[in-house]
Amino acid sequence: RGAQGASLGKVRSGSLKKLLHAQDTIEFEWLRQFWVQGRLHADQRPRWVFAMNAAEECWFTLEEAMVEILERTFNLGQERKDVAKTTSRCLRVSEKDHAQANFLILKSALTKRQSMREAW
């Protein structure tokens, strides 16, 4: 994690939205659409199986990045509470606003994704 986690935590809201959209597209437009058709479909299209496995790896990488962003966003909120309790110092306003914006984006996206998964 270390430096990578720190850089992922600072991802801008627009980039976060793009990451979440890419992740949803891979999962719902490609992986689920392909695998829902069954093993026979996959056996008849071996070239696509390789592509779907690569897409699944990409999806998993995006999932890991999203989890790190979520953890970083949560940790920024915790830091703000801890700092406020112990001293008069506080995170810069831009960091707080950034963390709050990312939290709202993640909450909305994860709620939507959960309802899409339930619909399947």
C-alpha atoms as a PDB file:
ATOM      1  CA  ARG A   1       0.000   0.000   0.000  1.00  0.00           C
ATOM      2  CA  GLY A   2       2.222   2.815   1.231  1.00  0.00           C
ATOM      3  CA  ALA A   3       2.869   5.388  -1.467  1.00  0.00           C
ATOM      4  CA  GLN A   4       0.432   3.776  -3.884  1.00  0.00           C
ATOM      5  CA  GLY A   5      -2.403   4.012  -1.345  1.00  0.00           C
ATOM      6  CA  ALA A   6      -1.604   7.656  -0.699  1.00  0.00           C
ATOM      7  CA  SER A   7      -1.719   8.545  -4.395  1.00  0.00           C
ATOM      8  CA  LEU A   8      -4.947   6.608  -4.908  1.00  0.00           C
ATOM      9  CA  GLY A   9      -6.506   8.438  -1.986  1.00  0.00           C
ATOM     10  CA  LYS A  10      -5.894  11.754  -3.702  1.00  0.00           C
ATOM     11  CA  VAL A  11      -7.702  10.821  -6.911  1.00  0.00           C
ATOM     12  CA  ARG A  12      -9.938  13.637  -8.110  1.00  0.00           C
ATOM     13  CA  SER A  13     -13.709  13.269  -8.192  1.00  0.00           C
ATOM     14  CA  GLY A  14     -13.864  13.263 -12.002  1.00  0.00           C
ATOM     15  CA  SER A  15     -11.258  10.512 -12.194  1.00  0.00           C
ATOM     16  CA  LEU A  16     -13.073   8.535  -9.518  1.00  0.00           C
ATOM     17  CA  LYS A  17     -16.312   8.721 -11.497  1.00  0.00           C
ATOM     18  CA  LYS A  18     -14.501   7.483 -14.615  1.00  0.00           C
ATOM     19  CA  LEU A  19     -12.913   4.617 -12.673  1.00  0.00           C
ATOM     20  CA  LEU A  20     -16.292   3.551 -11.264  1.00  0.00           C
ATOM     21  CA  HIS A  21     -17.954   3.821 -14.684  1.00  0.00           C
ATOM     22  CA  ALA A  22     -15.222   1.694 -16.279  1.00  0.00           C
ATOM     23  CA  GLN A  23     -15.605  -0.886 -13.549  1.00  0.00           C
ATOM     24  CA  ASP A  24     -19.389  -1.064 -14.012  1.00  0.00           C
ATOM     25  CA  THR A  25     -19.029  -1.298 -17.791  1.00  0.00           C
ATOM     26  CA  ILE A  26     -16.577  -4.184 -17.564  1.00  0.00           C
ATOM     27  CA  GLU A  27     -18.715  -6.055 -15.059  1.00  0.00           C
ATOM     28  CA  PHE A  28     -22.214  -5.497 -16.453  1.00  0.00           C
ATOM     29  CA  GLU A  29     -21.657  -4.968 -20.176  1.00  0.00           C
ATOM     30  CA  TRP A  30     -18.945  -7.545 -20.762  1.00  0.00           C
ATOM     31  CA  LEU A  31     -18.305 -10.122 -18.031  1.00  0.00           C
ATOM     32  CA  ARG A  32     -21.869 -10.811 -16.962  1.00  0.00           C
ATOM     33  CA  GLN A  33     -23.191 -10.668 -20.527  1.00  0.00           C
ATOM     34  CA  PHE A  34     -20.624 -13.209 -21.699  1.00  0.00           C
ATOM     35  CA  TRP A  35     -20.730 -15.667 -18.810  1.00  0.00           C
ATOM     36  CA  VAL A  36     -24.509 -15.626 -18.364  1.00  0.00           C
ATOM     37  CA  GLN A  37     -24.763 -17.352 -21.762  1.00  0.00           C
ATOM     38  CA  GLY A  38     -23.167 -20.462 -20.325  1.00  0.00           C
ATOM     39  CA  ARG A  39     -20.286 -22.838 -20.806  1.00  0.00           C
ATOM     40  CA  LEU A  40     -21.328 -23.962 -24.307  1.00  0.00           C
ATOM     41  CA  HIS A  41     -21.221 -20.359 -25.495  1.00  0.00           C
ATOM     42  CA  ALA A  42     -17.739 -19.995 -23.993  1.00  0.00           C
ATOM     43  CA  ASP A  43     -16.548 -23.292 -25.507  1.00  0.00           C
ATOM     44  CA  GLN A  44     -17.696 -22.145 -28.953  1.00  0.00           C
ATOM     45  CA  ARG A  45     -15.795 -18.868 -28.598  1.00  0.00           C
ATOM     46  CA  PRO A  46     -12.379 -19.717 -27.139  1.00  0.00           C
ATOM     47  CA  ARG A  47     -10.861 -16.452 -28.378  1.00  0.00           C
ATOM     48  CA  TRP A  48     -13.395 -14.548 -26.277  1.00  0.00           C
ATOM     49  CA  VAL A  49     -12.635 -16.593 -23.168  1.00  0.00           C
ATOM     50  CA  PHE A  50      -9.087 -15.237 -23.176  1.00  0.00           C
ATOM     51  CA  ALA A  51     -10.406 -11.681 -23.627  1.00  0.00           C
ATOM     52  CA  MET A  52     -12.977 -12.124 -20.846  1.00  0.00           C
ATOM     53  CA  ASN A  53     -10.306 -13.461 -18.492  1.00  0.00           C
ATOM     54  CA  ALA A  54      -8.176 -10.387 -19.251  1.00  0.00           C
ATOM     55  CA  ALA A  55     -11.213  -8.138 -18.676  1.00  0.00           C
ATOM     56  CA  GLU A  56     -11.843  -9.881 -15.367  1.00  0.00           C
ATOM     57  CA  GLU A  57      -8.261  -9.188 -14.278  1.00  0.00           C
ATOM     58  CA  CYS A  58      -8.724  -5.537 -15.230  1.00  0.00           C
ATOM     59  CA  TRP A  59     -12.009  -5.422 -13.304  1.00  0.00           C
ATOM     60  CA  PHE A  60     -10.306  -6.923 -10.246  1.00  0.00           C
ATOM     61  CA  THR A  61      -7.507  -4.322 -10.427  1.00  0.00           C
ATOM     62  CA  LEU A  62     -10.115  -1.553 -10.563  1.00  0.00           C
ATOM     63  CA  GLU A  63     -11.911  -3.129  -7.597  1.00  0.00           C
ATOM     64  CA  GLU A  64      -8.688  -3.102  -5.561  1.00  0.00           C
ATOM     65  CA  ALA A  65      -8.081   0.553  -6.480  1.00  0.00           C
ATOM     66  CA  MET A  66     -11.638   1.465  -5.479  1.00  0.00           C
ATOM     67  CA  VAL A  67     -11.204  -0.251  -2.100  1.00  0.00           C
ATOM     68  CA  GLU A  68      -7.975   1.683  -1.496  1.00  0.00           C
ATOM     69  CA  ILE A  69      -9.705   4.950  -2.391  1.00  0.00           C
ATOM     70  CA  LEU A  70     -12.542   4.086  -0.034  1.00  0.00           C
ATOM     71  CA  GLU A  71     -10.089   3.264   2.775  1.00  0.00           C
ATOM     72  CA  ARG A  72      -8.141   6.480   2.154  1.00  0.00           C
ATOM     73  CA  THR A  73     -11.335   8.529   2.139  1.00  0.00           C
ATOM     74  CA  PHE A  74     -12.422   6.913   5.405  1.00  0.00           C
ATOM     75  CA  ASN A  75      -8.981   7.477   6.944  1.00  0.00           C
ATOM     76  CA  LEU A  76      -9.088  11.177   6.034  1.00  0.00           C
ATOM     77  CA  GLY A  77     -12.357  11.433   7.927  1.00  0.00           C
ATOM     78  CA  GLN A  78     -10.859   9.613  10.903  1.00  0.00           C
ATOM     79  CA  GLU A  79      -7.757  11.849  10.824  1.00  0.00           C
ATOM     80  CA  ARG A  80      -9.973  14.906  10.895  1.00  0.00           C
ATOM     81  CA  LYS A  81     -11.831  13.603  13.962  1.00  0.00           C
ATOM     82  CA  ASP A  82      -8.616  12.560  15.745  1.00  0.00           C
ATOM     83  CA  VAL A  83      -6.884  15.860  15.062  1.00  0.00           C
ATOM     84  CA  ALA A  84      -9.921  17.841  16.185  1.00  0.00           C
ATOM     85  CA  LYS A  85      -9.981  15.896  19.465  1.00  0.00           C
ATOM     86  CA  THR A  86      -6.303  16.353  20.314  1.00  0.00           C
ATOM     87  CA  THR A  87      -5.384  19.783  18.978  1.00  0.00           C
ATOM     88  CA  SER A  88      -6.867  22.799  17.303  1.00  0.00           C
ATOM     89  CA  ARG A  89      -5.245  21.752  14.029  1.00  0.00           C
ATOM     90  CA  CYS A  90      -7.440  20.293  11.313  1.00  0.00           C
ATOM     91  CA  LEU A  91      -7.000  18.927   7.810  1.00  0.00           C
ATOM     92  CA  ARG A  92      -6.897  21.554   5.124  1.00  0.00           C
ATOM     93  CA  VAL A  93     -10.358  22.463   3.872  1.00  0.00           C
ATOM     94  CA  SER A  94      -9.536  21.181   0.392  1.00  0.00           C
ATOM     95  CA  GLU A  95      -8.641  17.737   1.783  1.00  0.00           C
ATOM     96  CA  LYS A  96     -11.849  17.595   3.807  1.00  0.00           C
ATOM     97  CA  ASP A  97     -13.952  18.687   0.859  1.00  0.00           C
ATOM     98  CA  HIS A  98     -12.162  16.210  -1.393  1.00  0.00           C
ATOM     99  CA  ALA A  99     -12.725  13.339   1.043  1.00  0.00           C
ATOM    100  CA  GLN A 100     -16.396  14.243   1.479  1.00  0.00           C
ATOM    101  CA  ALA A 101     -16.949  14.491  -2.280  1.00  0.00           C
ATOM    102  CA  ASN A 102     -15.288  11.117  -2.869  1.00  0.00           C
ATOM    103  CA  PHE A 103     -17.326   9.563  -0.077  1.00  0.00           C
ATOM    104  CA  LEU A 104     -20.586  10.747  -1.658  1.00  0.00           C
ATOM    105  CA  ILE A 105     -19.500   9.542  -5.103  1.00  0.00           C
ATOM    106  CA  LEU A 106     -18.517   6.134  -3.731  1.00  0.00           C
ATOM    107  CA  LYS A 107     -21.713   5.787  -1.704  1.00  0.00           C
ATOM    108  CA  SER A 108     -23.869   6.574  -4.711  1.00  0.00           C
ATOM    109  CA  ALA A 109     -21.919   4.301  -7.064  1.00  0.00           C
ATOM    110  CA  LEU A 110     -21.835   1.362  -4.659  1.00  0.00           C
ATOM    111  CA  THR A 111     -25.567   1.678  -3.945  1.00  0.00           C
ATOM    112  CA  LYS A 112     -26.291   1.704  -7.673  1.00  0.00           C
ATOM    113  CA  ARG A 113     -23.962  -1.246  -8.291  1.00  0.00           C
ATOM    114  CA  GLN A 114     -25.610  -3.268  -5.533  1.00  0.00           C
ATOM    115  CA  SER A 115     -29.063  -2.703  -7.012  1.00  0.00           C
ATOM    116  CA  MET A 116     -27.758  -3.687 -10.472  1.00  0.00           C
ATOM    117  CA  ARG A 117     -26.307  -6.906  -9.020  1.00  0.00           C
ATOM    118  CA  GLU A 118     -29.596  -7.705  -7.307  1.00  0.00           C
ATOM    119  CA  ALA A 119     -31.405  -7.192 -10.621  1.00  0.00           C
ATOM    120  CA  TRP A 120     -29.278  -9.955 -12.183  1.00  0.00           C
END
